[in-house]
Amino acid sequence: MAEIEILAGRRRKSVPHEFVLDALALLAPTTRPMFGCLAVYVGEQIVMILRDRHDWRADNGVWLATSAEHHASLKREFPRMRSIQLLGRKVTHWQVLPANAADFESAALRACKLVVARDPRIGKVPKRRRLKSR
């Protein structure tokens, strides 16, 4: 009986929008938990965050790591793309392809194609965290 309890352990969460990782498989992406979501890295660049949570459902989907200078050109490719509302600012560098959009899967797969093609509009090298001095 003890073995069953040990094996039961903690239930692993499912990967939100797992098809995105499949589409990026050629690049051998890595993932890390971040803010209750799943950050997707290609090399040292963070390219996306996959979100499917019960709070702020409007911001569920694929978050693209980009910057304001690329919003207009990306918006032409992804008309439903917008800033993330839960961050509390009108315009955010991160942009979301909302999961509740009719074209969500096709838009997310197009974004993956841009990442695979190494489009410079998607992806950022995160700033290094400074260690707290004692």
N, C-alpha and C. Protein backbone atom coordinates (compact mmCIF):
# COMPACT_ATOMS: atom_id res chain seq x y z
N MET A 1 0.81 -1.19 0.00
CA MET A 1 0.00 0.00 0.00
C MET A 1 0.86 1.26 0.00
N ALA A 2 1.96 1.24 0.74
CA ALA A 2 2.85 2.41 0.81
C ALA A 2 3.42 2.74 -0.56
N GLU A 3 3.70 1.70 -1.36
CA GLU A 3 4.25 1.93 -2.69
C GLU A 3 3.26 2.71 -3.56
N ILE A 4 2.00 2.38 -3.46
CA ILE A 4 0.99 3.06 -4.26
C ILE A 4 0.93 4.54 -3.87
N GLU A 5 0.99 4.83 -2.58
CA GLU A 5 0.96 6.22 -2.14
C GLU A 5 2.17 6.99 -2.66
N ILE A 6 3.34 6.35 -2.61
CA ILE A 6 4.56 7.01 -3.08
C ILE A 6 4.45 7.25 -4.59
N LEU A 7 4.01 6.25 -5.32
CA LEU A 7 3.91 6.39 -6.77
C LEU A 7 2.85 7.41 -7.18
N ALA A 8 1.81 7.53 -6.38
CA ALA A 8 0.76 8.49 -6.71
C ALA A 8 1.32 9.90 -6.70
N GLY A 9 2.09 10.23 -5.66
CA GLY A 9 2.77 11.51 -5.59
C GLY A 9 1.94 12.68 -6.04
N ARG A 10 2.60 13.64 -6.57
CA ARG A 10 1.95 14.84 -7.08
C ARG A 10 1.55 14.64 -8.52
N ARG A 11 0.36 15.02 -8.84
CA ARG A 11 -0.11 14.89 -10.22
C ARG A 11 0.54 15.96 -11.07
N ARG A 12 1.07 15.57 -12.18
CA ARG A 12 1.74 16.50 -13.08
C ARG A 12 0.69 17.27 -13.87
N LYS A 13 0.89 18.58 -13.98
CA LYS A 13 -0.04 19.40 -14.75
C LYS A 13 0.13 19.12 -16.23
N SER A 14 -0.95 19.24 -16.97
CA SER A 14 -0.85 19.06 -18.41
C SER A 14 -0.24 20.31 -19.03
N VAL A 15 0.36 20.12 -20.16
CA VAL A 15 1.00 21.24 -20.87
C VAL A 15 -0.08 22.00 -21.63
N PRO A 16 -0.22 23.30 -21.37
CA PRO A 16 -1.23 24.06 -22.11
C PRO A 16 -0.80 24.22 -23.58
N HIS A 17 -1.73 24.06 -24.47
CA HIS A 17 -1.49 24.27 -25.91
C HIS A 17 -0.26 23.48 -26.38
N GLU A 18 -0.24 22.21 -26.05
CA GLU A 18 0.92 21.36 -26.33
C GLU A 18 1.29 21.30 -27.81
N PHE A 19 0.34 21.54 -28.68
CA PHE A 19 0.61 21.51 -30.13
C PHE A 19 1.69 22.53 -30.51
N VAL A 20 1.84 23.58 -29.71
CA VAL A 20 2.87 24.60 -29.97
C VAL A 20 4.26 23.97 -29.81
N LEU A 21 4.45 23.20 -28.76
CA LEU A 21 5.75 22.54 -28.56
C LEU A 21 6.03 21.54 -29.67
N ASP A 22 5.00 20.86 -30.14
CA ASP A 22 5.17 19.94 -31.27
C ASP A 22 5.64 20.70 -32.50
N ALA A 23 5.07 21.88 -32.74
CA ALA A 23 5.43 22.68 -33.92
C ALA A 23 6.85 23.24 -33.82
N LEU A 24 7.35 23.38 -32.60
CA LEU A 24 8.70 23.91 -32.39
C LEU A 24 9.74 22.81 -32.18
N ALA A 25 9.34 21.56 -32.25
CA ALA A 25 10.21 20.43 -31.91
C ALA A 25 11.54 20.45 -32.65
N LEU A 26 11.55 20.89 -33.87
CA LEU A 26 12.77 20.96 -34.68
C LEU A 26 13.86 21.78 -33.97
N LEU A 27 13.45 22.76 -33.19
CA LEU A 27 14.40 23.64 -32.49
C LEU A 27 14.76 23.13 -31.09
N ALA A 28 14.22 22.00 -30.69
CA ALA A 28 14.45 21.43 -29.35
C ALA A 28 14.21 22.47 -28.26
N PRO A 29 12.98 23.00 -28.18
CA PRO A 29 12.70 24.01 -27.16
C PRO A 29 12.77 23.44 -25.76
N THR A 30 13.05 24.31 -24.81
CA THR A 30 13.00 23.92 -23.40
C THR A 30 11.88 24.72 -22.76
N THR A 31 11.37 24.21 -21.66
CA THR A 31 10.28 24.90 -20.97
C THR A 31 10.63 25.06 -19.50
N ARG A 32 10.03 26.09 -18.92
CA ARG A 32 10.17 26.34 -17.48
C ARG A 32 8.85 26.90 -16.98
N PRO A 33 8.45 26.50 -15.78
CA PRO A 33 7.25 27.10 -15.21
C PRO A 33 7.51 28.58 -14.93
N MET A 34 6.52 29.41 -15.21
CA MET A 34 6.65 30.85 -14.97
C MET A 34 5.27 31.44 -14.75
N PHE A 35 5.04 32.03 -13.59
CA PHE A 35 3.78 32.70 -13.26
C PHE A 35 2.57 31.77 -13.42
N GLY A 36 2.74 30.51 -13.12
CA GLY A 36 1.64 29.56 -13.27
C GLY A 36 1.38 29.18 -14.72
N CYS A 37 2.30 29.52 -15.59
CA CYS A 37 2.19 29.22 -17.02
C CYS A 37 3.42 28.42 -17.41
N LEU A 38 3.68 28.27 -18.71
CA LEU A 38 4.83 27.53 -19.18
C LEU A 38 5.60 28.39 -20.17
N ALA A 39 6.81 28.80 -19.77
CA ALA A 39 7.67 29.60 -20.65
C ALA A 39 8.38 28.67 -21.62
N VAL A 40 8.50 29.11 -22.87
CA VAL A 40 9.14 28.32 -23.92
C VAL A 40 10.39 29.06 -24.38
N TYR A 41 11.50 28.35 -24.32
CA TYR A 41 12.79 28.92 -24.72
C TYR A 41 13.34 28.19 -25.92
N VAL A 42 14.00 28.94 -26.79
CA VAL A 42 14.79 28.37 -27.88
C VAL A 42 16.18 28.93 -27.66
N GLY A 43 17.09 28.05 -27.29
CA GLY A 43 18.42 28.52 -26.89
C GLY A 43 18.25 29.37 -25.64
N GLU A 44 18.86 30.52 -25.62
CA GLU A 44 18.75 31.38 -24.45
C GLU A 44 17.59 32.38 -24.57
N GLN A 45 16.90 32.37 -25.69
CA GLN A 45 15.78 33.29 -25.90
C GLN A 45 14.46 32.71 -25.39
N ILE A 46 13.72 33.54 -24.67
CA ILE A 46 12.34 33.18 -24.37
C ILE A 46 11.52 33.63 -25.58
N VAL A 47 10.72 32.73 -26.11
CA VAL A 47 9.96 33.07 -27.32
C VAL A 47 8.46 33.17 -27.06
N MET A 48 7.97 32.38 -26.11
CA MET A 48 6.52 32.34 -25.84
C MET A 48 6.27 31.94 -24.40
N ILE A 49 5.06 32.23 -23.96
CA ILE A 49 4.53 31.66 -22.74
C ILE A 49 3.18 31.04 -23.11
N LEU A 50 2.98 29.82 -22.66
CA LEU A 50 1.72 29.12 -22.93
C LEU A 50 0.87 29.23 -21.67
N ARG A 51 -0.34 29.77 -21.83
CA ARG A 51 -1.19 30.04 -20.66
C ARG A 51 -2.58 29.46 -20.86
N ASP A 52 -3.03 28.71 -19.85
CA ASP A 52 -4.40 28.20 -19.80
C ASP A 52 -4.77 28.09 -18.32
N ARG A 53 -5.25 29.19 -17.76
CA ARG A 53 -5.57 29.26 -16.34
C ARG A 53 -7.03 29.65 -16.15
N HIS A 54 -7.51 29.47 -14.92
CA HIS A 54 -8.90 29.80 -14.61
C HIS A 54 -9.08 31.27 -14.29
N ASP A 55 -8.01 31.97 -13.94
CA ASP A 55 -8.12 33.40 -13.67
C ASP A 55 -7.74 34.17 -14.95
N TRP A 56 -8.32 35.29 -15.15
CA TRP A 56 -8.05 36.12 -16.34
C TRP A 56 -8.09 35.28 -17.62
N ARG A 57 -9.17 34.59 -17.83
CA ARG A 57 -9.29 33.70 -18.99
C ARG A 57 -9.07 34.43 -20.32
N ALA A 58 -9.38 35.69 -20.37
CA ALA A 58 -9.21 36.45 -21.62
C ALA A 58 -7.75 36.48 -22.07
N ASP A 59 -6.82 36.28 -21.14
CA ASP A 59 -5.40 36.30 -21.49
C ASP A 59 -4.82 34.90 -21.67
N ASN A 60 -5.67 33.88 -21.70
CA ASN A 60 -5.19 32.54 -22.03
C ASN A 60 -4.84 32.49 -23.51
N GLY A 61 -3.84 31.70 -23.82
CA GLY A 61 -3.40 31.54 -25.20
C GLY A 61 -1.90 31.46 -25.28
N VAL A 62 -1.35 31.99 -26.34
CA VAL A 62 0.09 32.01 -26.55
C VAL A 62 0.57 33.45 -26.44
N TRP A 63 1.43 33.69 -25.47
CA TRP A 63 2.02 35.02 -25.30
C TRP A 63 3.31 35.05 -26.11
N LEU A 64 3.45 36.08 -26.92
CA LEU A 64 4.64 36.24 -27.75
C LEU A 64 5.61 37.22 -27.10
N ALA A 65 6.86 36.82 -26.99
CA ALA A 65 7.90 37.71 -26.48
C ALA A 65 8.34 38.61 -27.63
N THR A 66 8.00 39.87 -27.53
CA THR A 66 8.32 40.81 -28.60
C THR A 66 8.55 42.18 -27.99
N SER A 67 8.62 43.20 -28.80
CA SER A 67 8.76 44.57 -28.30
C SER A 67 7.85 45.48 -29.11
N ALA A 68 7.59 46.65 -28.56
CA ALA A 68 6.63 47.58 -29.17
C ALA A 68 6.96 47.91 -30.62
N GLU A 69 8.22 47.93 -30.96
CA GLU A 69 8.60 48.28 -32.33
C GLU A 69 8.10 47.26 -33.36
N HIS A 70 7.79 46.05 -32.91
CA HIS A 70 7.33 45.00 -33.82
C HIS A 70 5.81 44.80 -33.81
N HIS A 71 5.10 45.50 -32.94
CA HIS A 71 3.66 45.28 -32.82
C HIS A 71 2.92 45.49 -34.13
N ALA A 72 3.18 46.57 -34.83
CA ALA A 72 2.43 46.88 -36.06
C ALA A 72 2.62 45.79 -37.11
N SER A 73 3.85 45.36 -37.33
CA SER A 73 4.07 44.35 -38.37
C SER A 73 3.49 42.99 -37.95
N LEU A 74 3.58 42.65 -36.68
CA LEU A 74 2.99 41.40 -36.22
C LEU A 74 1.46 41.47 -36.25
N LYS A 75 0.91 42.63 -35.96
CA LYS A 75 -0.55 42.81 -35.97
C LYS A 75 -1.11 42.57 -37.38
N ARG A 76 -0.34 42.90 -38.41
CA ARG A 76 -0.78 42.63 -39.79
C ARG A 76 -0.88 41.12 -40.03
N GLU A 77 0.01 40.36 -39.41
CA GLU A 77 -0.02 38.90 -39.57
C GLU A 77 -1.01 38.23 -38.63
N PHE A 78 -1.23 38.86 -37.47
CA PHE A 78 -2.10 38.31 -36.44
C PHE A 78 -3.10 39.38 -36.00
N PRO A 79 -4.17 39.57 -36.76
CA PRO A 79 -5.11 40.66 -36.47
C PRO A 79 -5.74 40.61 -35.07
N ARG A 80 -5.84 39.43 -34.47
CA ARG A 80 -6.46 39.32 -33.14
C ARG A 80 -5.44 39.45 -32.00
N MET A 81 -4.17 39.60 -32.34
CA MET A 81 -3.13 39.78 -31.34
C MET A 81 -3.37 41.09 -30.58
N ARG A 82 -3.09 41.07 -29.27
CA ARG A 82 -3.28 42.28 -28.48
C ARG A 82 -2.37 42.24 -27.25
N SER A 83 -2.33 43.36 -26.54
CA SER A 83 -1.57 43.40 -25.30
C SER A 83 -2.26 42.57 -24.23
N ILE A 84 -1.49 42.14 -23.27
CA ILE A 84 -2.00 41.30 -22.19
C ILE A 84 -2.68 42.18 -21.15
N GLN A 85 -3.94 41.94 -20.92
CA GLN A 85 -4.75 42.78 -20.04
C GLN A 85 -4.37 42.65 -18.58
N LEU A 86 -4.03 41.44 -18.13
CA LEU A 86 -3.76 41.26 -16.71
C LEU A 86 -2.52 41.99 -16.23
N LEU A 87 -1.68 42.45 -17.14
CA LEU A 87 -0.49 43.19 -16.74
C LEU A 87 -0.82 44.63 -16.35
N GLY A 88 -2.04 45.07 -16.66
CA GLY A 88 -2.52 46.35 -16.17
C GLY A 88 -2.07 47.58 -16.93
N ARG A 89 -1.40 47.39 -18.03
CA ARG A 89 -0.98 48.53 -18.85
C ARG A 89 -1.71 48.47 -20.19
N LYS A 90 -1.88 49.63 -20.78
CA LYS A 90 -2.60 49.68 -22.06
C LYS A 90 -1.83 48.92 -23.14
N VAL A 91 -0.52 49.14 -23.22
CA VAL A 91 0.32 48.46 -24.20
C VAL A 91 1.43 47.74 -23.45
N THR A 92 1.61 46.47 -23.76
CA THR A 92 2.67 45.68 -23.15
C THR A 92 3.59 45.15 -24.24
N HIS A 93 4.83 44.91 -23.89
CA HIS A 93 5.74 44.31 -24.87
C HIS A 93 5.26 42.91 -25.23
N TRP A 94 4.89 42.13 -24.20
CA TRP A 94 4.32 40.83 -24.46
C TRP A 94 2.97 41.01 -25.15
N GLN A 95 2.70 40.19 -26.13
CA GLN A 95 1.43 40.21 -26.84
C GLN A 95 0.83 38.82 -26.78
N VAL A 96 -0.50 38.74 -26.80
CA VAL A 96 -1.17 37.45 -26.69
C VAL A 96 -1.94 37.14 -27.98
N LEU A 97 -1.84 35.88 -28.37
CA LEU A 97 -2.74 35.32 -29.36
C LEU A 97 -3.80 34.62 -28.52
N PRO A 98 -4.98 35.24 -28.37
CA PRO A 98 -5.98 34.73 -27.42
C PRO A 98 -6.54 33.36 -27.80
N ALA A 99 -6.62 32.49 -26.80
CA ALA A 99 -7.14 31.14 -27.02
C ALA A 99 -8.60 31.14 -27.42
N ASN A 100 -9.34 32.20 -27.08
CA ASN A 100 -10.77 32.24 -27.42
C ASN A 100 -11.03 32.81 -28.82
N ALA A 101 -9.98 33.13 -29.56
CA ALA A 101 -10.15 33.62 -30.94
C ALA A 101 -10.46 32.44 -31.86
N ALA A 102 -11.29 32.66 -32.84
CA ALA A 102 -11.68 31.61 -33.78
C ALA A 102 -10.48 31.00 -34.51
N ASP A 103 -9.46 31.82 -34.76
CA ASP A 103 -8.29 31.36 -35.51
C ASP A 103 -7.09 31.05 -34.61
N PHE A 104 -7.34 30.77 -33.32
CA PHE A 104 -6.25 30.61 -32.37
C PHE A 104 -5.20 29.60 -32.82
N GLU A 105 -5.62 28.39 -33.13
CA GLU A 105 -4.64 27.35 -33.48
C GLU A 105 -3.85 27.70 -34.72
N SER A 106 -4.50 28.21 -35.74
CA SER A 106 -3.76 28.56 -36.96
C SER A 106 -2.82 29.74 -36.71
N ALA A 107 -3.24 30.71 -35.90
CA ALA A 107 -2.37 31.84 -35.58
C ALA A 107 -1.16 31.37 -34.76
N ALA A 108 -1.40 30.50 -33.79
CA ALA A 108 -0.30 30.00 -32.97
C ALA A 108 0.69 29.21 -33.83
N LEU A 109 0.18 28.42 -34.76
CA LEU A 109 1.07 27.66 -35.64
C LEU A 109 1.85 28.58 -36.59
N ARG A 110 1.22 29.66 -37.04
CA ARG A 110 1.96 30.66 -37.86
C ARG A 110 3.06 31.29 -37.03
N ALA A 111 2.79 31.60 -35.77
CA ALA A 111 3.80 32.17 -34.89
C ALA A 111 4.96 31.19 -34.72
N CYS A 112 4.65 29.91 -34.60
CA CYS A 112 5.69 28.89 -34.49
C CYS A 112 6.56 28.87 -35.74
N LYS A 113 5.94 29.01 -36.90
CA LYS A 113 6.71 29.04 -38.15
C LYS A 113 7.67 30.23 -38.16
N LEU A 114 7.23 31.37 -37.62
CA LEU A 114 8.11 32.53 -37.54
C LEU A 114 9.29 32.26 -36.60
N VAL A 115 9.03 31.59 -35.49
CA VAL A 115 10.10 31.25 -34.55
C VAL A 115 11.08 30.29 -35.20
N VAL A 116 10.56 29.27 -35.88
CA VAL A 116 11.43 28.30 -36.57
C VAL A 116 12.28 29.00 -37.63
N ALA A 117 11.72 29.99 -38.30
CA ALA A 117 12.44 30.76 -39.32
C ALA A 117 13.38 31.80 -38.71
N ARG A 118 13.41 31.85 -37.37
CA ARG A 118 14.25 32.79 -36.62
C ARG A 118 13.90 34.24 -36.91
N ASP A 119 12.60 34.51 -37.05
CA ASP A 119 12.11 35.88 -37.24
C ASP A 119 12.53 36.71 -36.03
N PRO A 120 13.24 37.82 -36.25
CA PRO A 120 13.76 38.62 -35.13
C PRO A 120 12.68 39.35 -34.33
N ARG A 121 11.44 39.33 -34.80
CA ARG A 121 10.37 40.02 -34.07
C ARG A 121 9.88 39.23 -32.86
N ILE A 122 10.18 37.95 -32.82
CA ILE A 122 9.72 37.12 -31.70
C ILE A 122 10.93 36.52 -31.00
N GLY A 123 11.01 36.78 -29.70
CA GLY A 123 12.08 36.22 -28.89
C GLY A 123 12.91 37.32 -28.24
N LYS A 124 13.25 37.07 -26.98
CA LYS A 124 14.08 38.00 -26.22
C LYS A 124 15.00 37.19 -25.32
N VAL A 125 16.19 37.71 -25.12
CA VAL A 125 17.08 37.11 -24.13
C VAL A 125 16.73 37.78 -22.81
N PRO A 126 16.26 36.98 -21.83
CA PRO A 126 15.87 37.59 -20.55
C PRO A 126 17.06 38.24 -19.86
N LYS A 127 16.76 39.30 -19.13
CA LYS A 127 17.80 39.95 -18.34
C LYS A 127 18.21 38.99 -17.23
N ARG A 128 19.48 38.99 -16.94
CA ARG A 128 19.98 38.12 -15.87
C ARG A 128 19.54 38.66 -14.53
N ARG A 129 19.12 37.76 -13.67
CA ARG A 129 18.74 38.15 -12.31
C ARG A 129 20.00 38.42 -11.51
N ARG A 130 19.97 39.48 -10.75
CA ARG A 130 21.10 39.77 -9.87
C ARG A 130 20.91 39.02 -8.57
N LEU A 131 21.98 38.49 -8.07
CA LEU A 131 21.93 37.80 -6.79
C LEU A 131 21.89 38.84 -5.69
N LYS A 132 21.08 38.59 -4.69
CA LYS A 132 21.00 39.52 -3.56
C LYS A 132 22.28 39.40 -2.74
N SER A 133 22.82 40.54 -2.41
CA SER A 133 24.01 40.51 -1.57
C SER A 133 23.58 40.46 -0.10
N ARG A 134 24.37 39.82 0.70
CA ARG A 134 24.02 39.64 2.11
C ARG A 134 24.50 40.77 2.94
